[in-house]
């Protein structure tokens, strides 16, 4: 049951807060809306320092959105090894990486034409 329908901005803010709750770092929001023919409107990209932290960030997003808003993702992939977890919230896709995996795939630069917004780390 959906408690509150979130718009994209509110969804991204809730996801960002859940990432920061578990000390996720290097958060980047990629706005893909003006690119056309994309699978979603936004990527939220972040990293955790270990598979345990990547898993904790994933759980924080999942639980925060379910508990507070009644929203669960359409799909979650990558939890088995927690090196790169992708969470599909429709118009918003969340990517949670280990730093070395993020550097290897470099997805924010694959979408070089997207508007990128960096969210400062809390510490």
N, C-alpha and C. Protein backbone atom coordinates (compact mmCIF):
# COMPACT_ATOMS: atom_id res chain seq x y z
N UNK A 1 0.84 -1.18 0.00
CA UNK A 1 0.00 0.00 0.00
C UNK A 1 0.89 1.25 0.00
N UNK A 2 0.66 2.13 -0.94
CA UNK A 2 1.44 3.36 -1.04
C UNK A 2 0.89 4.36 -0.02
N UNK A 3 1.77 4.80 0.88
CA UNK A 3 1.37 5.77 1.90
C UNK A 3 1.33 7.17 1.32
N UNK A 4 2.30 7.50 0.47
CA UNK A 4 2.37 8.82 -0.14
C UNK A 4 3.04 8.67 -1.49
N UNK A 5 2.40 9.19 -2.50
CA UNK A 5 3.00 9.18 -3.83
C UNK A 5 4.08 10.25 -3.87
N UNK A 6 5.31 9.82 -4.13
CA UNK A 6 6.44 10.76 -4.19
C UNK A 6 6.67 11.19 -5.63
N UNK A 7 6.95 12.47 -5.82
CA UNK A 7 7.40 12.89 -7.15
C UNK A 7 8.89 12.53 -7.27
N UNK A 8 9.46 12.71 -8.44
CA UNK A 8 10.85 12.31 -8.66
C UNK A 8 11.81 13.00 -7.71
N UNK A 9 11.62 14.30 -7.49
CA UNK A 9 12.51 15.04 -6.60
C UNK A 9 12.44 14.50 -5.18
N UNK A 10 11.24 14.24 -4.68
CA UNK A 10 11.07 13.69 -3.33
C UNK A 10 11.66 12.29 -3.23
N UNK A 11 11.48 11.49 -4.27
CA UNK A 11 12.04 10.14 -4.28
C UNK A 11 13.56 10.20 -4.21
N UNK A 12 14.17 11.07 -5.01
CA UNK A 12 15.63 11.21 -5.01
C UNK A 12 16.11 11.69 -3.64
N UNK A 13 15.40 12.62 -3.03
CA UNK A 13 15.78 13.11 -1.69
C UNK A 13 15.70 11.98 -0.66
N UNK A 14 14.65 11.17 -0.71
CA UNK A 14 14.50 10.05 0.23
C UNK A 14 15.60 9.03 0.02
N UNK A 15 15.95 8.75 -1.23
CA UNK A 15 17.03 7.81 -1.53
C UNK A 15 18.36 8.36 -1.02
N UNK A 16 18.61 9.65 -1.28
CA UNK A 16 19.86 10.28 -0.84
C UNK A 16 19.99 10.23 0.68
N UNK A 17 18.92 10.51 1.39
CA UNK A 17 18.96 10.45 2.86
C UNK A 17 19.27 9.04 3.34
N UNK A 18 18.66 8.04 2.70
CA UNK A 18 18.91 6.65 3.09
C UNK A 18 20.36 6.25 2.82
N UNK A 19 20.93 6.75 1.74
CA UNK A 19 22.35 6.48 1.44
C UNK A 19 23.22 7.12 2.52
N UNK A 20 22.93 8.38 2.83
CA UNK A 20 23.73 9.09 3.82
C UNK A 20 23.58 8.50 5.22
N UNK A 21 22.43 7.91 5.52
CA UNK A 21 22.23 7.24 6.82
C UNK A 21 23.25 6.14 7.05
N UNK A 22 23.71 5.51 5.98
CA UNK A 22 24.68 4.42 6.08
C UNK A 22 26.06 4.85 5.60
N UNK A 23 26.28 6.17 5.61
CA UNK A 23 27.59 6.76 5.27
C UNK A 23 28.04 6.46 3.84
N UNK A 24 27.07 6.33 2.93
CA UNK A 24 27.41 6.19 1.51
C UNK A 24 28.11 7.45 1.04
N UNK A 25 29.00 7.31 0.10
CA UNK A 25 29.86 8.42 -0.35
C UNK A 25 29.69 8.69 -1.84
N UNK A 26 30.22 9.84 -2.24
CA UNK A 26 30.33 10.22 -3.65
C UNK A 26 29.01 10.05 -4.40
N UNK A 27 27.96 10.66 -3.85
CA UNK A 27 26.63 10.56 -4.46
C UNK A 27 26.56 11.53 -5.65
N UNK A 28 26.13 10.99 -6.78
CA UNK A 28 25.94 11.78 -7.99
C UNK A 28 24.54 11.49 -8.52
N UNK A 29 23.82 12.56 -8.85
CA UNK A 29 22.51 12.44 -9.49
C UNK A 29 22.71 12.78 -10.96
N UNK A 30 22.37 11.84 -11.84
CA UNK A 30 22.46 12.08 -13.28
C UNK A 30 21.05 12.30 -13.81
N UNK A 31 20.80 13.49 -14.33
CA UNK A 31 19.50 13.85 -14.90
C UNK A 31 19.54 13.49 -16.39
N UNK A 32 18.76 12.47 -16.75
CA UNK A 32 18.76 11.96 -18.12
C UNK A 32 17.55 12.42 -18.93
N UNK A 33 16.69 13.23 -18.31
CA UNK A 33 15.40 13.58 -18.93
C UNK A 33 15.53 14.22 -20.30
N UNK A 34 16.51 15.05 -20.50
CA UNK A 34 16.63 15.77 -21.76
C UNK A 34 17.38 15.01 -22.84
N UNK A 35 17.80 13.78 -22.53
CA UNK A 35 18.60 13.02 -23.49
C UNK A 35 17.74 12.26 -24.50
N UNK A 36 16.54 11.88 -24.11
CA UNK A 36 15.67 11.11 -25.01
C UNK A 36 16.09 9.66 -25.10
N UNK A 37 15.12 8.79 -25.25
CA UNK A 37 15.34 7.34 -25.40
C UNK A 37 16.20 6.74 -24.28
N UNK A 38 15.96 7.15 -23.05
CA UNK A 38 16.68 6.58 -21.91
C UNK A 38 15.74 5.65 -21.15
N UNK A 39 16.32 4.77 -20.36
CA UNK A 39 15.51 3.80 -19.62
C UNK A 39 14.84 4.40 -18.39
N UNK A 40 15.30 5.57 -17.99
CA UNK A 40 14.73 6.24 -16.82
C UNK A 40 15.04 7.73 -16.92
N UNK A 41 14.53 8.49 -15.95
CA UNK A 41 14.79 9.93 -15.94
C UNK A 41 16.04 10.29 -15.14
N UNK A 42 16.34 9.50 -14.12
CA UNK A 42 17.47 9.81 -13.23
C UNK A 42 18.22 8.54 -12.84
N UNK A 43 19.54 8.69 -12.68
CA UNK A 43 20.37 7.72 -11.97
C UNK A 43 20.76 8.38 -10.66
N UNK A 44 20.75 7.62 -9.58
CA UNK A 44 21.37 8.02 -8.33
C UNK A 44 22.52 7.04 -8.14
N UNK A 45 23.74 7.56 -8.12
CA UNK A 45 24.95 6.73 -8.08
C UNK A 45 25.69 7.04 -6.79
N UNK A 46 26.13 5.97 -6.10
CA UNK A 46 26.91 6.18 -4.88
C UNK A 46 27.82 4.99 -4.67
N UNK A 47 28.58 5.04 -3.58
CA UNK A 47 29.45 3.92 -3.27
C UNK A 47 29.54 3.67 -1.78
N UNK A 48 29.84 2.42 -1.48
CA UNK A 48 30.15 1.98 -0.13
C UNK A 48 31.53 1.36 -0.15
N UNK A 49 32.22 1.37 0.98
CA UNK A 49 33.62 0.93 1.02
C UNK A 49 33.82 -0.57 1.06
N UNK A 50 32.75 -1.33 1.31
CA UNK A 50 32.87 -2.79 1.40
C UNK A 50 31.55 -3.40 0.95
N UNK A 51 31.56 -4.70 0.61
CA UNK A 51 30.29 -5.35 0.28
C UNK A 51 29.26 -5.23 1.41
N UNK A 52 29.73 -5.26 2.65
CA UNK A 52 28.82 -5.12 3.79
C UNK A 52 28.16 -3.75 3.78
N UNK A 53 28.93 -2.69 3.50
CA UNK A 53 28.36 -1.35 3.45
C UNK A 53 27.43 -1.19 2.25
N UNK A 54 27.80 -1.74 1.10
CA UNK A 54 26.91 -1.70 -0.07
C UNK A 54 25.58 -2.35 0.27
N UNK A 55 25.64 -3.48 0.95
CA UNK A 55 24.42 -4.18 1.36
C UNK A 55 23.62 -3.35 2.37
N UNK A 56 24.30 -2.71 3.30
CA UNK A 56 23.61 -1.87 4.30
C UNK A 56 22.94 -0.67 3.64
N UNK A 57 23.59 -0.06 2.65
CA UNK A 57 22.99 1.07 1.92
C UNK A 57 21.74 0.59 1.17
N UNK A 58 21.86 -0.57 0.51
CA UNK A 58 20.71 -1.14 -0.20
C UNK A 58 19.54 -1.35 0.75
N UNK A 59 19.82 -1.96 1.90
CA UNK A 59 18.77 -2.21 2.90
C UNK A 59 18.18 -0.90 3.42
N UNK A 60 19.00 0.12 3.61
CA UNK A 60 18.54 1.41 4.12
C UNK A 60 17.57 2.06 3.13
N UNK A 61 17.90 2.00 1.84
CA UNK A 61 17.01 2.56 0.83
C UNK A 61 15.70 1.77 0.80
N UNK A 62 15.82 0.45 0.73
CA UNK A 62 14.65 -0.43 0.67
C UNK A 62 13.71 -0.16 1.85
N UNK A 63 14.28 -0.24 3.06
CA UNK A 63 13.46 -0.10 4.27
C UNK A 63 12.92 1.32 4.43
N UNK A 64 13.73 2.32 4.13
CA UNK A 64 13.28 3.70 4.27
C UNK A 64 12.11 4.03 3.36
N UNK A 65 12.17 3.56 2.12
CA UNK A 65 11.09 3.85 1.19
C UNK A 65 9.85 3.02 1.49
N UNK A 66 10.04 1.80 1.94
CA UNK A 66 8.87 0.96 2.30
C UNK A 66 8.22 1.51 3.57
N UNK A 67 9.02 1.71 4.62
CA UNK A 67 8.48 2.12 5.91
C UNK A 67 7.82 3.50 5.86
N UNK A 68 8.47 4.45 5.19
CA UNK A 68 7.99 5.82 5.20
C UNK A 68 6.97 6.15 4.11
N UNK A 69 7.05 5.43 2.98
CA UNK A 69 6.22 5.81 1.84
C UNK A 69 5.45 4.65 1.22
N UNK A 70 5.74 3.43 1.66
CA UNK A 70 5.07 2.27 1.08
C UNK A 70 5.54 1.93 -0.33
N UNK A 71 6.72 2.46 -0.71
CA UNK A 71 7.26 2.20 -2.06
C UNK A 71 8.31 1.11 -2.00
N UNK A 72 8.18 0.11 -2.85
CA UNK A 72 9.25 -0.85 -2.99
C UNK A 72 9.72 -0.85 -4.44
N UNK A 73 10.96 -1.21 -4.67
CA UNK A 73 11.48 -1.17 -6.03
C UNK A 73 10.83 -2.23 -6.91
N UNK A 74 10.82 -1.95 -8.22
CA UNK A 74 10.33 -2.94 -9.17
C UNK A 74 11.28 -4.13 -9.23
N UNK A 75 12.57 -3.88 -9.06
CA UNK A 75 13.58 -4.94 -9.10
C UNK A 75 14.83 -4.47 -8.38
N UNK A 76 15.56 -5.44 -7.85
CA UNK A 76 16.87 -5.20 -7.24
C UNK A 76 17.80 -6.29 -7.75
N UNK A 77 18.97 -5.92 -8.22
CA UNK A 77 19.91 -6.90 -8.74
C UNK A 77 21.30 -6.62 -8.18
N UNK A 78 22.06 -7.69 -7.95
CA UNK A 78 23.45 -7.57 -7.51
C UNK A 78 23.67 -7.80 -6.03
N UNK A 79 22.63 -8.18 -5.30
CA UNK A 79 22.77 -8.35 -3.85
C UNK A 79 23.61 -9.56 -3.47
N UNK A 80 23.74 -10.51 -4.36
CA UNK A 80 24.49 -11.72 -4.03
C UNK A 80 25.93 -11.41 -3.64
N UNK A 81 26.62 -10.57 -4.43
CA UNK A 81 28.02 -10.26 -4.10
C UNK A 81 28.20 -8.82 -3.62
N UNK A 82 27.18 -7.99 -3.76
CA UNK A 82 27.19 -6.61 -3.26
C UNK A 82 28.41 -5.80 -3.71
N UNK A 83 28.77 -5.96 -4.98
CA UNK A 83 29.81 -5.11 -5.57
C UNK A 83 29.18 -3.98 -6.37
N UNK A 84 28.03 -4.28 -6.98
CA UNK A 84 27.24 -3.30 -7.72
C UNK A 84 25.79 -3.73 -7.58
N UNK A 85 25.03 -2.97 -6.83
CA UNK A 85 23.61 -3.25 -6.66
C UNK A 85 22.84 -2.19 -7.42
N UNK A 86 21.87 -2.64 -8.21
CA UNK A 86 20.99 -1.73 -8.94
C UNK A 86 19.58 -1.89 -8.39
N UNK A 87 18.94 -0.76 -8.10
CA UNK A 87 17.57 -0.75 -7.59
C UNK A 87 16.71 0.06 -8.56
N UNK A 88 15.64 -0.55 -9.05
CA UNK A 88 14.79 0.08 -10.06
C UNK A 88 13.53 0.64 -9.40
N UNK A 89 13.44 1.95 -9.36
CA UNK A 89 12.25 2.64 -8.86
C UNK A 89 11.51 3.32 -10.01
N UNK A 90 11.52 2.70 -11.18
CA UNK A 90 10.81 3.25 -12.33
C UNK A 90 11.59 4.35 -13.00
N UNK A 91 11.23 5.58 -12.75
CA UNK A 91 11.92 6.71 -13.37
C UNK A 91 13.25 7.03 -12.70
N UNK A 92 13.55 6.35 -11.59
CA UNK A 92 14.81 6.55 -10.87
C UNK A 92 15.49 5.20 -10.69
N UNK A 93 16.72 5.07 -11.18
CA UNK A 93 17.53 3.87 -10.96
C UNK A 93 18.66 4.22 -10.01
N UNK A 94 18.83 3.39 -8.99
CA UNK A 94 19.87 3.61 -8.00
C UNK A 94 20.99 2.60 -8.25
N UNK A 95 22.23 3.09 -8.28
CA UNK A 95 23.41 2.24 -8.46
C UNK A 95 24.30 2.42 -7.23
N UNK A 96 24.57 1.32 -6.54
CA UNK A 96 25.41 1.35 -5.34
C UNK A 96 26.62 0.47 -5.64
N UNK A 97 27.79 1.09 -5.65
CA UNK A 97 29.01 0.42 -6.08
C UNK A 97 30.05 0.31 -4.97
N UNK A 98 30.94 -0.67 -5.12
CA UNK A 98 32.25 -0.60 -4.47
C UNK A 98 33.07 0.39 -5.29
N UNK A 99 34.00 1.13 -4.68
CA UNK A 99 34.74 2.16 -5.42
C UNK A 99 35.45 1.63 -6.68
N UNK A 100 36.10 0.48 -6.59
CA UNK A 100 36.84 -0.03 -7.74
C UNK A 100 35.92 -0.49 -8.87
N UNK A 101 34.74 -0.97 -8.53
CA UNK A 101 33.77 -1.38 -9.54
C UNK A 101 33.17 -0.13 -10.21
N UNK A 102 32.90 0.87 -9.40
CA UNK A 102 32.40 2.14 -9.96
C UNK A 102 33.42 2.74 -10.92
N UNK A 103 34.68 2.75 -10.54
CA UNK A 103 35.72 3.31 -11.40
C UNK A 103 35.83 2.51 -12.71
N UNK A 104 35.69 1.20 -12.62
CA UNK A 104 35.79 0.36 -13.81
C UNK A 104 34.66 0.65 -14.81
N UNK A 105 33.43 0.70 -14.33
CA UNK A 105 32.28 0.90 -15.22
C UNK A 105 32.05 2.37 -15.57
N UNK A 106 32.39 3.27 -14.67
CA UNK A 106 32.37 4.72 -14.92
C UNK A 106 31.07 5.17 -15.60
N UNK A 107 29.92 4.72 -15.04
CA UNK A 107 28.65 4.95 -15.74
C UNK A 107 28.25 6.42 -15.84
N UNK A 108 28.68 7.25 -14.88
CA UNK A 108 28.29 8.64 -15.02
C UNK A 108 28.94 9.30 -16.23
N UNK A 109 30.07 8.77 -16.67
CA UNK A 109 30.71 9.34 -17.85
C UNK A 109 30.23 8.69 -19.14
N UNK A 110 29.59 7.52 -19.04
CA UNK A 110 28.94 6.94 -20.20
C UNK A 110 27.77 7.82 -20.63
N UNK A 111 27.20 8.51 -19.66
CA UNK A 111 26.08 9.42 -19.91
C UNK A 111 26.60 10.86 -19.82
N UNK A 112 27.65 11.14 -20.57
CA UNK A 112 28.35 12.42 -20.48
C UNK A 112 27.46 13.63 -20.78
N UNK A 113 26.40 13.44 -21.54
CA UNK A 113 25.52 14.55 -21.88
C UNK A 113 24.50 14.83 -20.78
N UNK A 114 24.42 13.97 -19.78
CA UNK A 114 23.47 14.16 -18.68
C UNK A 114 23.95 15.29 -17.78
N UNK A 115 22.98 15.93 -17.14
CA UNK A 115 23.32 16.94 -16.13
C UNK A 115 23.67 16.18 -14.85
N UNK A 116 24.88 16.36 -14.35
CA UNK A 116 25.35 15.66 -13.14
C UNK A 116 25.35 16.62 -11.96
N UNK A 117 24.77 16.16 -10.86
CA UNK A 117 24.76 16.93 -9.62
C UNK A 117 25.45 16.09 -8.55
N UNK A 118 26.49 16.65 -7.94
CA UNK A 118 27.20 15.96 -6.88
C UNK A 118 26.65 16.38 -5.54
N UNK A 119 26.34 15.40 -4.69
CA UNK A 119 25.84 15.66 -3.35
C UNK A 119 27.03 15.55 -2.40
N UNK A 120 27.33 16.58 -1.61
CA UNK A 120 28.49 16.52 -0.72
C UNK A 120 28.34 15.41 0.32
N UNK A 121 29.47 14.77 0.62
CA UNK A 121 29.49 13.77 1.71
C UNK A 121 29.19 14.48 3.02
N UNK A 122 28.60 13.75 3.96
CA UNK A 122 28.24 14.36 5.24
C UNK A 122 29.42 14.59 6.16
N UNK A 123 30.47 13.79 6.01
CA UNK A 123 31.63 14.00 6.91
C UNK A 123 32.81 14.58 6.20
